[in-house]
Amino acid sequence: ERTVVAVAALPPGGGKSTLFRRLQEAGWQVASSDEERARGGSFDETLSRVLRSAPAVCYDKNLPDANGLSKLCRVLRAAETRHGVRVRVLLVAPRSLRHDVMWARVGARAATDHALTQHIEGGAAKAYEIFNAVFFEPSRKALSSVHR
């Protein structure tokens, strides 16, 4: 049996990677989409590999809406079938979202950070567009559904 922790409806700057670093210190394995993108690897393949061997896994990827949750289910179902293991999911969601705090955390990230930063091509304006349109607004809209 495997346990996977995933965080729903929490945009960049919300603390997902910080939570998962703490769990990693306690022995959990982390599959990170940011790290895989930086390495040029495949997040789904890394997650599958980690699930094959680790009983406790952190799914460090944004799940801003129902589409993200649906993909999580598809990927985990495929891993169950592929590796013959049962996967339990512990889905965590914030009670509320603090836009300005999260955006400030994104803004404070170094250019070397693998997560969303203001140092991307297009600068702060492009980073904010991604933060708000791709992550924050979908997360805000999905949050009440996640809590039901």
C-alpha atoms as a PDB file:
ATOM      1  CA  GLU A   1       0.000   0.000   0.000  1.00  0.00           C
ATOM      2  CA  ARG A   2       1.165   3.531  -0.814  1.00  0.00           C
ATOM      3  CA  THR A   3       0.041   6.839   0.655  1.00  0.00           C
ATOM      4  CA  VAL A   4       0.219   9.945  -1.493  1.00  0.00           C
ATOM      5  CA  VAL A   5      -0.170  13.454  -0.111  1.00  0.00           C
ATOM      6  CA  ALA A   6      -1.354  16.056  -2.611  1.00  0.00           C
ATOM      7  CA  VAL A   7      -2.392  19.666  -2.117  1.00  0.00           C
ATOM      8  CA  ALA A   8      -5.397  20.980  -4.031  1.00  0.00           C
ATOM      9  CA  ALA A   9      -6.324  24.569  -4.857  1.00  0.00           C
ATOM     10  CA  LEU A  10      -3.100  26.139  -3.605  1.00  0.00           C
ATOM     11  CA  PRO A  11      -1.268  28.432  -6.050  1.00  0.00           C
ATOM     12  CA  PRO A  12       2.491  28.974  -6.237  1.00  0.00           C
ATOM     13  CA  GLY A  13       3.771  30.673  -3.117  1.00  0.00           C
ATOM     14  CA  GLY A  14       1.236  28.859  -0.951  1.00  0.00           C
ATOM     15  CA  GLY A  15       3.707  26.557   0.788  1.00  0.00           C
ATOM     16  CA  LYS A  16       3.352  23.199  -0.994  1.00  0.00           C
ATOM     17  CA  SER A  17       7.070  22.659  -1.478  1.00  0.00           C
ATOM     18  CA  THR A  18       7.806  23.775   2.077  1.00  0.00           C
ATOM     19  CA  LEU A  19       5.296  21.250   3.429  1.00  0.00           C
ATOM     20  CA  PHE A  20       6.785  18.528   1.270  1.00  0.00           C
ATOM     21  CA  ARG A  21      10.360  19.359   2.348  1.00  0.00           C
ATOM     22  CA  ARG A  22       9.231  18.841   5.963  1.00  0.00           C
ATOM     23  CA  LEU A  23       7.635  15.516   5.073  1.00  0.00           C
ATOM     24  CA  GLN A  24      10.797  14.544   3.196  1.00  0.00           C
ATOM     25  CA  GLU A  25      12.793  15.216   6.371  1.00  0.00           C
ATOM     26  CA  ALA A  26      10.443  12.723   8.063  1.00  0.00           C
ATOM     27  CA  GLY A  27      11.206  10.049   5.451  1.00  0.00           C
ATOM     28  CA  TRP A  28       8.646  10.692   2.709  1.00  0.00           C
ATOM     29  CA  GLN A  29       9.703  10.643  -0.938  1.00  0.00           C
ATOM     30  CA  VAL A  30       8.881  13.704  -3.058  1.00  0.00           C
ATOM     31  CA  ALA A  31       8.012  13.782  -6.750  1.00  0.00           C
ATOM     32  CA  SER A  32       8.296  17.439  -7.800  1.00  0.00           C
ATOM     33  CA  SER A  33       7.078  18.785 -11.126  1.00  0.00           C
ATOM     34  CA  ASP A  34       9.339  21.840 -10.778  1.00  0.00           C
ATOM     35  CA  GLU A  35      12.436  19.707 -10.225  1.00  0.00           C
ATOM     36  CA  GLU A  36      11.558  17.377 -13.099  1.00  0.00           C
ATOM     37  CA  ARG A  37      10.987  20.308 -15.461  1.00  0.00           C
ATOM     38  CA  ALA A  38      14.378  21.744 -14.457  1.00  0.00           C
ATOM     39  CA  ARG A  39      16.048  18.378 -15.153  1.00  0.00           C
ATOM     40  CA  GLY A  40      14.187  17.895 -18.406  1.00  0.00           C
ATOM     41  CA  GLY A  41      12.561  14.795 -16.952  1.00  0.00           C
ATOM     42  CA  SER A  42       9.030  13.480 -16.892  1.00  0.00           C
ATOM     43  CA  PHE A  43       7.046  14.102 -13.714  1.00  0.00           C
ATOM     44  CA  ASP A  44       4.647  11.219 -14.406  1.00  0.00           C
ATOM     45  CA  GLU A  45       7.534   8.776 -14.912  1.00  0.00           C
ATOM     46  CA  THR A  46       9.280   9.973 -11.754  1.00  0.00           C
ATOM     47  CA  LEU A  47       6.081   9.674  -9.749  1.00  0.00           C
ATOM     48  CA  SER A  48       5.545   6.150 -11.060  1.00  0.00           C
ATOM     49  CA  ARG A  49       9.123   5.173 -10.168  1.00  0.00           C
ATOM     50  CA  VAL A  50       8.797   6.602  -6.649  1.00  0.00           C
ATOM     51  CA  LEU A  51       5.445   4.869  -6.122  1.00  0.00           C
ATOM     52  CA  ARG A  52       7.020   1.546  -7.072  1.00  0.00           C
ATOM     53  CA  SER A  53       9.393   1.681  -4.109  1.00  0.00           C
ATOM     54  CA  ALA A  54       8.251   4.201  -1.495  1.00  0.00           C
ATOM     55  CA  PRO A  55       5.299   3.721   0.855  1.00  0.00           C
ATOM     56  CA  ALA A  56       4.871   7.467   1.501  1.00  0.00           C
ATOM     57  CA  VAL A  57       4.974   9.909  -1.418  1.00  0.00           C
ATOM     58  CA  CYS A  58       4.407  13.647  -1.827  1.00  0.00           C
ATOM     59  CA  TYR A  59       2.804  14.777  -5.094  1.00  0.00           C
ATOM     60  CA  ASP A  60       4.463  18.190  -5.491  1.00  0.00           C
ATOM     61  CA  LYS A  61       2.509  19.538  -8.434  1.00  0.00           C
ATOM     62  CA  ASN A  62      -0.124  22.255  -8.662  1.00  0.00           C
ATOM     63  CA  LEU A  63      -3.717  21.028  -8.631  1.00  0.00           C
ATOM     64  CA  PRO A  64      -5.607  24.273  -9.173  1.00  0.00           C
ATOM     65  CA  ASP A  65      -8.909  22.787 -10.305  1.00  0.00           C
ATOM     66  CA  ALA A  66     -10.914  19.681 -11.184  1.00  0.00           C
ATOM     67  CA  ASN A  67      -8.739  19.037 -14.252  1.00  0.00           C
ATOM     68  CA  GLY A  68      -5.653  18.796 -12.055  1.00  0.00           C
ATOM     69  CA  LEU A  69      -7.425  16.459  -9.642  1.00  0.00           C
ATOM     70  CA  SER A  70      -8.637  14.320 -12.526  1.00  0.00           C
ATOM     71  CA  LYS A  71      -5.085  13.998 -13.859  1.00  0.00           C
ATOM     72  CA  LEU A  72      -3.864  13.052 -10.374  1.00  0.00           C
ATOM     73  CA  CYS A  73      -6.431  10.237 -10.289  1.00  0.00           C
ATOM     74  CA  ARG A  74      -5.506   8.991 -13.785  1.00  0.00           C
ATOM     75  CA  VAL A  75      -1.771   8.970 -13.015  1.00  0.00           C
ATOM     76  CA  LEU A  76      -2.231   7.199  -9.695  1.00  0.00           C
ATOM     77  CA  ARG A  77      -4.648   4.659 -11.169  1.00  0.00           C
ATOM     78  CA  ALA A  78      -2.093   3.856 -13.882  1.00  0.00           C
ATOM     79  CA  ALA A  79       0.630   3.442 -11.248  1.00  0.00           C
ATOM     80  CA  GLU A  80      -1.598   1.091  -9.239  1.00  0.00           C
ATOM     81  CA  THR A  81      -2.136  -1.072 -12.296  1.00  0.00           C
ATOM     82  CA  ARG A  82       1.473  -0.919 -13.449  1.00  0.00           C
ATOM     83  CA  HIS A  83       3.007  -1.770 -10.064  1.00  0.00           C
ATOM     84  CA  GLY A  84       0.229  -3.834  -8.506  1.00  0.00           C
ATOM     85  CA  VAL A  85      -0.015  -1.583  -5.463  1.00  0.00           C
ATOM     86  CA  ARG A  86      -2.932   0.087  -3.729  1.00  0.00           C
ATOM     87  CA  VAL A  87      -2.662   3.889  -3.512  1.00  0.00           C
ATOM     88  CA  ARG A  88      -4.423   5.941  -0.841  1.00  0.00           C
ATOM     89  CA  VAL A  89      -4.597   9.708  -1.334  1.00  0.00           C
ATOM     90  CA  LEU A  90      -4.517  12.258   1.430  1.00  0.00           C
ATOM     91  CA  LEU A  91      -5.805  15.430  -0.203  1.00  0.00           C
ATOM     92  CA  VAL A  92      -4.974  18.632   1.643  1.00  0.00           C
ATOM     93  CA  ALA A  93      -6.503  22.039   0.837  1.00  0.00           C
ATOM     94  CA  PRO A  94      -6.106  25.464   2.381  1.00  0.00           C
ATOM     95  CA  ARG A  95      -9.025  27.074   4.196  1.00  0.00           C
ATOM     96  CA  SER A  96      -8.452  30.313   2.306  1.00  0.00           C
ATOM     97  CA  LEU A  97      -6.090  31.883  -0.189  1.00  0.00           C
ATOM     98  CA  ARG A  98      -4.042  35.006   0.473  1.00  0.00           C
ATOM     99  CA  HIS A  99      -3.309  36.412  -2.969  1.00  0.00           C
ATOM    100  CA  ASP A 100      -0.874  39.148  -1.959  1.00  0.00           C
ATOM    101  CA  VAL A 101       1.088  36.912   0.401  1.00  0.00           C
ATOM    102  CA  MET A 102       1.446  34.179  -2.211  1.00  0.00           C
ATOM    103  CA  TRP A 103       2.399  36.618  -4.957  1.00  0.00           C
ATOM    104  CA  ALA A 104       4.986  38.219  -2.648  1.00  0.00           C
ATOM    105  CA  ARG A 105       6.520  34.781  -2.015  1.00  0.00           C
ATOM    106  CA  VAL A 106       6.731  34.162  -5.760  1.00  0.00           C
ATOM    107  CA  GLY A 107       8.334  37.597  -6.147  1.00  0.00           C
ATOM    108  CA  ALA A 108      10.924  36.833  -3.482  1.00  0.00           C
ATOM    109  CA  ARG A 109      12.170  33.693  -5.208  1.00  0.00           C
ATOM    110  CA  ALA A 110      15.643  33.712  -6.677  1.00  0.00           C
ATOM    111  CA  ALA A 111      16.188  33.401 -10.413  1.00  0.00           C
ATOM    112  CA  THR A 112      17.687  29.960  -9.748  1.00  0.00           C
ATOM    113  CA  ASP A 113      14.489  28.642  -8.152  1.00  0.00           C
ATOM    114  CA  HIS A 114      12.832  25.934 -10.237  1.00  0.00           C
ATOM    115  CA  ALA A 115       9.318  27.088  -9.323  1.00  0.00           C
ATOM    116  CA  LEU A 116       7.507  30.072 -10.845  1.00  0.00           C
ATOM    117  CA  THR A 117       9.553  33.257 -10.378  1.00  0.00           C
ATOM    118  CA  GLN A 118       9.464  36.815 -11.682  1.00  0.00           C
ATOM    119  CA  HIS A 119      12.728  36.092 -13.476  1.00  0.00           C
ATOM    120  CA  ILE A 120      11.114  34.277 -16.399  1.00  0.00           C
ATOM    121  CA  GLU A 121      11.066  35.612 -19.954  1.00  0.00           C
ATOM    122  CA  GLY A 122       8.552  38.443 -19.870  1.00  0.00           C
ATOM    123  CA  GLY A 123       9.493  39.332 -16.299  1.00  0.00           C
ATOM    124  CA  ALA A 124       7.150  40.111 -13.441  1.00  0.00           C
ATOM    125  CA  ALA A 125       4.211  40.955 -15.713  1.00  0.00           C
ATOM    126  CA  LYS A 126       4.312  37.549 -17.428  1.00  0.00           C
ATOM    127  CA  ALA A 127       4.908  35.748 -14.128  1.00  0.00           C
ATOM    128  CA  TYR A 128       1.896  37.493 -12.599  1.00  0.00           C
ATOM    129  CA  GLU A 129      -0.265  36.602 -15.592  1.00  0.00           C
ATOM    130  CA  ILE A 130       0.655  32.934 -15.106  1.00  0.00           C
ATOM    131  CA  PHE A 131       0.265  33.120 -11.319  1.00  0.00           C
ATOM    132  CA  ASN A 132      -3.151  34.729 -11.493  1.00  0.00           C
ATOM    133  CA  ALA A 133      -4.762  33.207 -14.599  1.00  0.00           C
ATOM    134  CA  VAL A 134      -3.334  29.688 -14.507  1.00  0.00           C
ATOM    135  CA  PHE A 135      -3.128  29.121 -10.770  1.00  0.00           C
ATOM    136  CA  PHE A 136      -4.713  31.657  -8.413  1.00  0.00           C
ATOM    137  CA  GLU A 137      -8.103  32.237 -10.028  1.00  0.00           C
ATOM    138  CA  PRO A 138      -8.738  28.559 -10.836  1.00  0.00           C
ATOM    139  CA  SER A 139      -7.709  27.656  -7.271  1.00  0.00           C
ATOM    140  CA  ARG A 140      -9.974  30.342  -5.802  1.00  0.00           C
ATOM    141  CA  LYS A 141     -12.911  29.098  -7.862  1.00  0.00           C
ATOM    142  CA  ALA A 142     -12.272  25.452  -6.992  1.00  0.00           C
ATOM    143  CA  LEU A 143     -11.626  25.886  -3.281  1.00  0.00           C
ATOM    144  CA  SER A 144     -15.257  25.722  -2.146  1.00  0.00           C
ATOM    145  CA  SER A 145     -15.818  22.553  -4.189  1.00  0.00           C
ATOM    146  CA  VAL A 146     -12.711  20.942  -2.742  1.00  0.00           C
ATOM    147  CA  HIS A 147     -14.036  21.517   0.772  1.00  0.00           C
ATOM    148  CA  ARG A 148     -17.386  19.868  -0.006  1.00  0.00           C
END
